[in-house]
Amino acid sequence: AAKVVRGFEEQKARIRAATQEREKKKAELETTGYDDESYRRSRKLAAAGQKPFNLASLRREEERQSNVPALYLDINMGKRKGRLGITKGDSPRVLAERFAKVYSLDGESIGKLIKLITSTAQAHQIPLSRG
C-alpha cells in the first residue's frame, strides 16, 4: 500500500477551493451586469433628460487657468531671493504672511511686503481683495 504524505488531503481541498473561487470570479467578470432592471433605469434617466457627462479634468483645467498668477514679484532679501505670484482677488496680507512664513521674515518685513504687493498690483492694474 502506498504511503500518503501528511497534509495531502488538506492541500487537495485547498487547491480545489482556490480553483472554484477563481472560476467563480471569472464567471462574474464574463457577465456584463446589464440586466433588465438596470436597462429600465437607464432608459428612465434618459427620458428625464439625463445630464451630459462632465469630465473632471476639464473643470480642473479651468481652475488651473484661473489660478495662474497675473504677475510674479521677485523679492530680494539680501543673500536670498523669493518669487511671489499675484493673482486677481488675492489678499495682500495673506500673501505677505504666507511668504513671510516660508522665508522666516519678521513682522516689520510683513508690513513692507504688504505695501510692496499693494503698490505693484495697483501699478499693473490687478484687482486685489481687501482681506
N, C-alpha and C. Protein backbone atom coordinates (compact mmCIF):
# COMPACT_ATOMS: atom_id res chain seq x y z
N ALA A 1 0.84 -1.17 0.00
CA ALA A 1 0.00 0.00 0.00
C ALA A 1 0.88 1.24 0.00
N ALA A 2 0.47 2.21 -0.75
CA ALA A 2 1.24 3.46 -0.87
C ALA A 2 1.04 4.30 0.37
N LYS A 3 2.10 4.94 0.77
CA LYS A 3 2.05 5.80 1.94
C LYS A 3 1.57 7.19 1.52
N VAL A 4 0.62 7.77 2.23
CA VAL A 4 0.08 9.10 1.91
C VAL A 4 0.86 10.14 2.71
N VAL A 5 1.28 11.19 2.02
CA VAL A 5 2.05 12.26 2.66
C VAL A 5 1.13 13.02 3.61
N ARG A 6 1.69 13.40 4.73
CA ARG A 6 0.91 14.12 5.72
C ARG A 6 0.47 15.48 5.15
N GLY A 7 -0.80 15.82 5.30
CA GLY A 7 -1.33 17.08 4.82
C GLY A 7 -1.78 17.04 3.37
N PHE A 8 -1.68 15.87 2.73
CA PHE A 8 -2.03 15.76 1.31
C PHE A 8 -3.49 16.09 1.06
N GLU A 9 -4.38 15.52 1.87
CA GLU A 9 -5.81 15.76 1.69
C GLU A 9 -6.15 17.25 1.90
N GLU A 10 -5.52 17.89 2.89
CA GLU A 10 -5.77 19.31 3.15
C GLU A 10 -5.32 20.16 1.95
N GLN A 11 -4.17 19.80 1.37
CA GLN A 11 -3.66 20.53 0.21
C GLN A 11 -4.62 20.39 -0.97
N LYS A 12 -5.12 19.16 -1.18
CA LYS A 12 -6.07 18.93 -2.27
C LYS A 12 -7.32 19.78 -2.08
N ALA A 13 -7.83 19.83 -0.86
CA ALA A 13 -9.04 20.60 -0.57
C ALA A 13 -8.78 22.09 -0.79
N ARG A 14 -7.61 22.57 -0.37
CA ARG A 14 -7.25 23.97 -0.56
C ARG A 14 -7.16 24.33 -2.04
N ILE A 15 -6.54 23.48 -2.82
CA ILE A 15 -6.40 23.73 -4.26
C ILE A 15 -7.76 23.72 -4.94
N ARG A 16 -8.62 22.76 -4.58
CA ARG A 16 -9.97 22.71 -5.16
C ARG A 16 -10.76 23.97 -4.83
N ALA A 17 -10.68 24.43 -3.58
CA ALA A 17 -11.40 25.63 -3.16
C ALA A 17 -10.88 26.85 -3.93
N ALA A 18 -9.58 26.94 -4.11
CA ALA A 18 -8.99 28.06 -4.85
C ALA A 18 -9.43 28.03 -6.31
N THR A 19 -9.47 26.85 -6.90
CA THR A 19 -9.89 26.71 -8.29
C THR A 19 -11.36 27.12 -8.45
N GLN A 20 -12.20 26.68 -7.52
CA GLN A 20 -13.61 27.05 -7.58
C GLN A 20 -13.78 28.57 -7.44
N GLU A 21 -13.03 29.18 -6.53
CA GLU A 21 -13.10 30.63 -6.32
C GLU A 21 -12.66 31.38 -7.58
N ARG A 22 -11.58 30.90 -8.22
CA ARG A 22 -11.08 31.52 -9.44
C ARG A 22 -12.10 31.41 -10.57
N GLU A 23 -12.73 30.26 -10.70
CA GLU A 23 -13.75 30.07 -11.73
C GLU A 23 -14.97 30.94 -11.47
N LYS A 24 -15.33 31.09 -10.20
CA LYS A 24 -16.47 31.94 -9.83
C LYS A 24 -16.18 33.40 -10.22
N LYS A 25 -14.96 33.90 -9.91
CA LYS A 25 -14.59 35.27 -10.27
C LYS A 25 -14.56 35.45 -11.79
N LYS A 26 -14.08 34.45 -12.50
CA LYS A 26 -14.03 34.53 -13.95
C LYS A 26 -15.44 34.61 -14.53
N ALA A 27 -16.37 33.83 -13.98
CA ALA A 27 -17.76 33.86 -14.45
C ALA A 27 -18.39 35.22 -14.17
N GLU A 28 -18.08 35.81 -13.02
CA GLU A 28 -18.60 37.13 -12.69
C GLU A 28 -18.10 38.18 -13.67
N LEU A 29 -16.84 38.09 -14.06
CA LEU A 29 -16.27 39.06 -15.00
C LEU A 29 -16.88 38.92 -16.39
N GLU A 30 -17.27 37.70 -16.75
CA GLU A 30 -17.82 37.47 -18.08
C GLU A 30 -19.23 38.01 -18.21
N THR A 31 -19.95 38.09 -17.12
CA THR A 31 -21.30 38.65 -17.20
C THR A 31 -21.19 40.16 -17.25
N THR A 32 -22.05 40.79 -18.03
CA THR A 32 -21.95 42.24 -18.22
C THR A 32 -22.52 43.02 -17.05
N GLY A 33 -23.44 42.44 -16.30
CA GLY A 33 -24.05 43.15 -15.20
C GLY A 33 -25.13 44.10 -15.67
N TYR A 34 -25.51 44.01 -16.94
CA TYR A 34 -26.52 44.90 -17.50
C TYR A 34 -27.79 44.08 -17.69
N ASP A 35 -28.64 44.07 -16.68
CA ASP A 35 -29.87 43.27 -16.73
C ASP A 35 -31.07 44.15 -17.08
N ASP A 36 -32.24 43.57 -17.07
CA ASP A 36 -33.46 44.31 -17.44
C ASP A 36 -33.70 45.50 -16.53
N GLU A 37 -33.47 45.32 -15.24
CA GLU A 37 -33.71 46.40 -14.27
C GLU A 37 -32.79 47.59 -14.54
N SER A 38 -31.51 47.36 -14.74
CA SER A 38 -30.59 48.46 -15.00
C SER A 38 -30.89 49.13 -16.34
N TYR A 39 -31.37 48.33 -17.32
CA TYR A 39 -31.74 48.90 -18.61
C TYR A 39 -32.94 49.84 -18.44
N ARG A 40 -33.96 49.40 -17.69
CA ARG A 40 -35.14 50.25 -17.46
C ARG A 40 -34.75 51.53 -16.74
N ARG A 41 -33.84 51.41 -15.76
CA ARG A 41 -33.39 52.58 -15.01
C ARG A 41 -32.66 53.57 -15.93
N SER A 42 -31.82 53.06 -16.81
CA SER A 42 -31.07 53.95 -17.71
C SER A 42 -32.00 54.62 -18.71
N ARG A 43 -33.03 53.90 -19.20
CA ARG A 43 -33.99 54.49 -20.12
C ARG A 43 -34.81 55.57 -19.42
N LYS A 44 -35.16 55.33 -18.14
CA LYS A 44 -35.92 56.30 -17.37
C LYS A 44 -35.10 57.59 -17.18
N LEU A 45 -33.82 57.44 -16.86
CA LEU A 45 -32.95 58.60 -16.71
C LEU A 45 -32.78 59.35 -18.02
N ALA A 46 -32.67 58.61 -19.11
CA ALA A 46 -32.50 59.24 -20.42
C ALA A 46 -33.76 60.03 -20.79
N ALA A 47 -34.92 59.48 -20.49
CA ALA A 47 -36.18 60.15 -20.80
C ALA A 47 -36.36 61.42 -19.95
N ALA A 48 -35.80 61.40 -18.73
CA ALA A 48 -35.92 62.55 -17.84
C ALA A 48 -34.93 63.65 -18.17
N GLY A 49 -34.14 63.44 -19.20
CA GLY A 49 -33.16 64.46 -19.58
C GLY A 49 -31.89 64.35 -18.76
N GLN A 50 -31.26 63.23 -18.82
CA GLN A 50 -30.03 62.99 -18.06
C GLN A 50 -28.96 64.00 -18.44
N LYS A 51 -28.23 64.48 -17.44
CA LYS A 51 -27.18 65.47 -17.69
C LYS A 51 -26.03 64.83 -18.46
N PRO A 52 -25.42 65.57 -19.37
CA PRO A 52 -24.26 65.01 -20.07
C PRO A 52 -23.09 64.85 -19.11
N PHE A 53 -22.24 63.90 -19.42
CA PHE A 53 -21.10 63.60 -18.57
C PHE A 53 -20.15 64.79 -18.53
N ASN A 54 -19.72 65.17 -17.32
CA ASN A 54 -18.81 66.29 -17.16
C ASN A 54 -17.47 65.75 -16.66
N LEU A 55 -16.50 65.74 -17.52
CA LEU A 55 -15.20 65.20 -17.17
C LEU A 55 -14.49 66.15 -16.21
N ALA A 56 -14.04 65.62 -15.09
CA ALA A 56 -13.43 66.45 -14.05
C ALA A 56 -12.17 67.16 -14.54
N SER A 57 -11.45 66.55 -15.47
CA SER A 57 -10.20 67.17 -15.92
C SER A 57 -10.47 68.50 -16.63
N LEU A 58 -11.64 68.63 -17.28
CA LEU A 58 -11.96 69.91 -17.92
C LEU A 58 -12.15 71.00 -16.87
N ARG A 59 -12.87 70.65 -15.79
CA ARG A 59 -13.08 71.61 -14.71
C ARG A 59 -11.76 71.97 -14.05
N ARG A 60 -10.91 70.97 -13.84
CA ARG A 60 -9.63 71.23 -13.20
C ARG A 60 -8.74 72.10 -14.09
N GLU A 61 -8.82 71.92 -15.40
CA GLU A 61 -8.04 72.74 -16.31
C GLU A 61 -8.49 74.20 -16.22
N GLU A 62 -9.81 74.41 -16.13
CA GLU A 62 -10.32 75.77 -15.99
C GLU A 62 -9.85 76.39 -14.67
N GLU A 63 -9.86 75.60 -13.60
CA GLU A 63 -9.40 76.10 -12.30
C GLU A 63 -7.93 76.47 -12.36
N ARG A 64 -7.13 75.62 -13.02
CA ARG A 64 -5.70 75.90 -13.13
C ARG A 64 -5.47 77.20 -13.88
N GLN A 65 -6.23 77.41 -14.96
CA GLN A 65 -6.05 78.63 -15.76
C GLN A 65 -6.49 79.86 -14.98
N SER A 66 -7.53 79.72 -14.15
CA SER A 66 -7.99 80.87 -13.38
C SER A 66 -7.04 81.17 -12.22
N ASN A 67 -6.23 80.20 -11.81
CA ASN A 67 -5.29 80.41 -10.71
C ASN A 67 -3.89 80.77 -11.18
N VAL A 68 -3.72 80.98 -12.46
CA VAL A 68 -2.41 81.37 -12.98
C VAL A 68 -2.14 82.81 -12.53
N PRO A 69 -1.01 83.06 -11.89
CA PRO A 69 -0.72 84.42 -11.42
C PRO A 69 -0.70 85.42 -12.56
N ALA A 70 -1.27 86.59 -12.31
CA ALA A 70 -1.27 87.66 -13.29
C ALA A 70 0.11 88.33 -13.33
N LEU A 71 0.85 88.19 -12.22
CA LEU A 71 2.15 88.84 -12.12
C LEU A 71 3.03 88.08 -11.12
N TYR A 72 4.29 87.96 -11.44
CA TYR A 72 5.25 87.40 -10.49
C TYR A 72 6.10 88.54 -9.95
N LEU A 73 6.28 88.56 -8.65
CA LEU A 73 7.05 89.60 -7.99
C LEU A 73 8.31 88.95 -7.41
N ASP A 74 9.47 89.32 -7.94
CA ASP A 74 10.73 88.79 -7.42
C ASP A 74 11.17 89.67 -6.26
N ILE A 75 11.41 89.05 -5.11
CA ILE A 75 11.75 89.78 -3.90
C ILE A 75 13.17 89.40 -3.48
N ASN A 76 14.02 90.41 -3.36
CA ASN A 76 15.41 90.22 -2.97
C ASN A 76 15.54 90.46 -1.47
N MET A 77 16.03 89.47 -0.75
CA MET A 77 16.17 89.58 0.71
C MET A 77 17.64 89.39 1.09
N GLY A 78 18.49 90.22 0.53
CA GLY A 78 19.92 90.10 0.82
C GLY A 78 20.51 88.93 0.05
N LYS A 79 20.90 87.87 0.77
CA LYS A 79 21.51 86.71 0.12
C LYS A 79 20.47 85.81 -0.55
N ARG A 80 19.23 85.93 -0.13
CA ARG A 80 18.18 85.06 -0.67
C ARG A 80 17.24 85.85 -1.57
N LYS A 81 16.62 85.12 -2.50
CA LYS A 81 15.61 85.71 -3.37
C LYS A 81 14.37 84.84 -3.30
N GLY A 82 13.22 85.48 -3.43
CA GLY A 82 11.95 84.75 -3.43
C GLY A 82 11.06 85.26 -4.54
N ARG A 83 10.18 84.41 -5.00
CA ARG A 83 9.24 84.80 -6.05
C ARG A 83 7.84 84.63 -5.52
N LEU A 84 7.02 85.66 -5.74
CA LEU A 84 5.66 85.68 -5.22
C LEU A 84 4.71 85.89 -6.40
N GLY A 85 3.78 84.97 -6.59
CA GLY A 85 2.79 85.09 -7.65
C GLY A 85 1.56 85.84 -7.15
N ILE A 86 1.14 86.86 -7.90
CA ILE A 86 -0.03 87.65 -7.52
C ILE A 86 -1.15 87.34 -8.52
N THR A 87 -2.28 86.87 -8.00
CA THR A 87 -3.44 86.53 -8.81
C THR A 87 -4.57 87.51 -8.51
N LYS A 88 -5.44 87.71 -9.47
CA LYS A 88 -6.59 88.60 -9.25
C LYS A 88 -7.38 88.13 -8.04
N GLY A 89 -7.73 89.06 -7.17
CA GLY A 89 -8.53 88.74 -6.00
C GLY A 89 -7.74 88.27 -4.79
N ASP A 90 -6.43 88.18 -4.90
CA ASP A 90 -5.61 87.78 -3.74
C ASP A 90 -5.65 88.85 -2.65
N SER A 91 -5.41 88.42 -1.44
CA SER A 91 -5.32 89.33 -0.31
C SER A 91 -3.84 89.65 -0.07
N PRO A 92 -3.45 90.92 -0.10
CA PRO A 92 -2.04 91.26 0.13
C PRO A 92 -1.54 90.77 1.49
N ARG A 93 -2.39 90.87 2.52
CA ARG A 93 -1.99 90.42 3.86
C ARG A 93 -1.72 88.91 3.88
N VAL A 94 -2.62 88.14 3.29
CA VAL A 94 -2.44 86.68 3.27
C VAL A 94 -1.19 86.30 2.49
N LEU A 95 -1.00 86.93 1.32
CA LEU A 95 0.20 86.65 0.52
C LEU A 95 1.47 86.97 1.31
N ALA A 96 1.48 88.13 1.96
CA ALA A 96 2.66 88.55 2.72
C ALA A 96 2.91 87.61 3.89
N GLU A 97 1.85 87.22 4.60
CA GLU A 97 2.02 86.33 5.76
C GLU A 97 2.53 84.95 5.34
N ARG A 98 2.01 84.43 4.24
CA ARG A 98 2.48 83.12 3.76
C ARG A 98 3.93 83.20 3.29
N PHE A 99 4.25 84.26 2.58
CA PHE A 99 5.62 84.44 2.11
C PHE A 99 6.57 84.57 3.31
N ALA A 100 6.15 85.34 4.30
CA ALA A 100 6.99 85.54 5.50
C ALA A 100 7.18 84.23 6.26
N LYS A 101 6.16 83.41 6.27
CA LYS A 101 6.27 82.12 6.97
C LYS A 101 7.28 81.22 6.26
N VAL A 102 7.22 81.20 4.93
CA VAL A 102 8.14 80.36 4.16
C VAL A 102 9.58 80.84 4.32
N TYR A 103 9.78 82.16 4.30
CA TYR A 103 11.13 82.71 4.35
C TYR A 103 11.53 83.21 5.74
N SER A 104 10.74 82.90 6.75
CA SER A 104 11.04 83.25 8.15
C SER A 104 11.32 84.74 8.31
N LEU A 105 10.41 85.57 7.86
CA LEU A 105 10.56 87.02 7.97
C LEU A 105 9.84 87.52 9.22
N ASP A 106 10.26 88.70 9.71
CA ASP A 106 9.65 89.26 10.93
C ASP A 106 8.44 90.13 10.58
N GLY A 107 7.78 90.64 11.59
CA GLY A 107 6.56 91.44 11.43
C GLY A 107 6.77 92.70 10.63
N GLU A 108 7.91 93.36 10.83
CA GLU A 108 8.21 94.58 10.09
C GLU A 108 8.29 94.29 8.59
N SER A 109 8.90 93.17 8.26
CA SER A 109 9.03 92.78 6.85
C SER A 109 7.66 92.49 6.23
N ILE A 110 6.75 91.94 7.04
CA ILE A 110 5.41 91.65 6.54
C ILE A 110 4.72 92.96 6.13
N GLY A 111 4.83 93.98 6.97
CA GLY A 111 4.23 95.28 6.65
C GLY A 111 4.79 95.86 5.36
N LYS A 112 6.12 95.80 5.20
CA LYS A 112 6.75 96.31 3.98
C LYS A 112 6.29 95.51 2.76
N LEU A 113 6.16 94.20 2.96
CA LEU A 113 5.75 93.31 1.88
C LEU A 113 4.31 93.60 1.44
N ILE A 114 3.44 93.88 2.41
CA ILE A 114 2.05 94.22 2.08
C ILE A 114 2.01 95.49 1.23
N LYS A 115 2.78 96.49 1.62
CA LYS A 115 2.83 97.74 0.85
C LYS A 115 3.38 97.49 -0.56
N LEU A 116 4.42 96.66 -0.66
CA LEU A 116 5.02 96.36 -1.96
C LEU A 116 4.03 95.63 -2.86
N ILE A 117 3.33 94.63 -2.31
CA ILE A 117 2.35 93.87 -3.09
C ILE A 117 1.23 94.80 -3.57
N THR A 118 0.73 95.63 -2.67
CA THR A 118 -0.38 96.54 -3.00
C THR A 118 0.03 97.52 -4.08
N SER A 119 1.18 98.15 -3.92
CA SER A 119 1.61 99.15 -4.91
C SER A 119 1.90 98.51 -6.27
N THR A 120 2.51 97.35 -6.26
CA THR A 120 2.82 96.66 -7.52
C THR A 120 1.54 96.25 -8.24
N ALA A 121 0.58 95.73 -7.48
CA ALA A 121 -0.70 95.31 -8.07
C ALA A 121 -1.44 96.51 -8.66
N GLN A 122 -1.41 97.65 -7.95
CA GLN A 122 -2.07 98.86 -8.46
C GLN A 122 -1.39 99.35 -9.73
N ALA A 123 -0.07 99.29 -9.74
CA ALA A 123 0.68 99.76 -10.91
C ALA A 123 0.38 98.90 -12.14
N HIS A 124 0.08 97.62 -11.93
CA HIS A 124 -0.22 96.72 -13.03
C HIS A 124 -1.72 96.47 -13.19
N GLN A 125 -2.52 97.24 -12.47
CA GLN A 125 -3.98 97.18 -12.55
C GLN A 125 -4.53 95.78 -12.28
N ILE A 126 -4.03 95.15 -11.22
CA ILE A 126 -4.51 93.84 -10.80
C ILE A 126 -5.40 94.04 -9.57
N PRO A 127 -6.69 93.73 -9.68
CA PRO A 127 -7.57 93.93 -8.53
C PRO A 127 -7.27 92.93 -7.41
N LEU A 128 -7.13 93.44 -6.20
CA LEU A 128 -6.87 92.60 -5.02
C LEU A 128 -8.04 92.70 -4.06
N SER A 129 -8.18 91.70 -3.19
CA SER A 129 -9.22 91.77 -2.15
C SER A 129 -8.70 92.62 -1.01
N ARG A 130 -9.60 93.03 -0.13
CA ARG A 130 -9.22 93.89 0.99
C ARG A 130 -8.90 93.10 2.24
N GLY A 131 -8.91 91.75 2.14
CA GLY A 131 -8.71 90.89 3.31
C GLY A 131 -7.37 90.93 3.92
